[in-house]
Protein backbone atom coordinates (compact mmCIF):
# COMPACT_ATOMS: atom_id res chain seq x y z
CA UNK A 1 96.03 107.42 136.82
CA UNK A 2 94.68 108.62 140.14
CA UNK A 3 97.98 107.80 141.80
CA UNK A 4 99.92 109.83 139.23
CA UNK A 5 97.72 112.86 139.87
CA UNK A 6 98.16 112.47 143.63
CA UNK A 7 101.93 112.22 143.25
CA UNK A 8 101.95 115.40 141.15
CA UNK A 9 99.92 117.27 143.74
CA UNK A 10 102.11 115.99 146.58
CA UNK A 11 105.26 116.97 144.69
CA UNK A 12 103.89 120.46 144.20
CA UNK A 13 103.02 120.75 147.89
CA UNK A 14 106.45 119.48 148.86
CA UNK A 15 108.09 122.15 146.72
CA UNK A 16 105.91 124.85 148.23
CA UNK A 17 106.54 123.60 151.76
CA UNK A 18 110.24 123.27 151.07
CA UNK A 19 110.37 119.46 151.21
CA UNK A 20 108.60 118.95 154.53
CA UNK A 21 109.12 115.49 156.04
CA UNK A 22 105.50 115.38 157.20
CA UNK A 23 104.26 115.81 153.63
CA UNK A 24 106.51 112.98 152.44
CA UNK A 25 105.27 110.62 155.17
CA UNK A 26 101.64 111.43 154.36
CA UNK A 27 102.32 110.97 150.65
CA UNK A 28 103.88 107.57 151.28
CA UNK A 29 100.87 106.41 153.32
CA UNK A 30 98.42 107.66 150.68
CA UNK A 31 100.45 106.09 147.88
CA UNK A 32 100.73 102.74 149.65
CA UNK A 33 96.99 102.36 150.35
CA UNK A 34 95.74 102.67 146.73
CA UNK A 35 98.69 100.67 145.38
CA UNK A 36 97.77 97.69 147.56
CA UNK A 37 94.09 97.92 146.61
CA UNK A 38 94.94 98.00 142.90
CA UNK A 39 96.83 94.74 143.23
């Protein structure tokens, strides 16, 4: 559930920033860390 919320927030930021590559890279790193811990 936490991941879903984070993705929603990141998506909103990306839209506001205009799809910044930096935001996407940060989102990927944040999404990968919790995903691995959950496993």
